[in-house]
């Protein structure tokens, strides 16, 4: 199936559900905004570190929850607008186990990204400081420029590799919702299995919404309230197609 087919399925599934789909997205944005607002209030207090830790803890469950809610909306349409909060708290421990398994799978690109980022920033900074403090030195400049170039190129390549690898795990939220009997490891491995050979198709599906996102800019972002549910429902259609294909095998 092509991107246009998934978008067509998404529009069909949104028939009669547009209002709830938009309200779920708005509710999610409100919760994220409130969390960010609370973080800003405590950013200059001794509680800032504690707030940052709490934020990092709730980020994966909340991030997974919105995808799961649009899957539920597709399945029966009965999900409540703020149900993602209950879903993220109920599945909190399992989501974090899944997240840690994903991190293990991505540990090599993550380490490379950090190493090359440090090398790039350090070499670039050292080169600039050296030029300002001591004046230009051809050998030192070439050395710093060489390390900086290696660092930035390595960072870009590692980031691209990490993003491509991360695409294998985009179906995890849907599998969490659909397969309560699977362990966290099995969910991660199942997502990997479903996405292998289909990452480019998912990328093209995401890219097919670029025009709508750009047009939304002319509505001061209001259009995104409709584009985001549309995208989410298309992603659900993609997941269901992959799950059906896997089941037939």
Foldseek 3Di string as FASTA:
>chain_A
DALVVLLVQLVVLCVVPLVLLLLLVVVLVVVVVVLVVVLVVCCPPPCNVVSVVVCVLLVQLSVLLNLQQLLVCSPPNPDHSPVSVVSSVVCSVQSVVLVVLLCVVLVVLVVQLVVLQCQQVVLVVVLVVCCVPPNDDPVSNVVSVVSNVSSVVSNVVSVVVSVLSVLLQPCLSNCVNVPVPDGSNRSSVVSNVLCVVPSVSLVNSVVVCVVQCVVCVVVVNPSVSSSVSSSSSSVSSSSVVSVVVVVVD
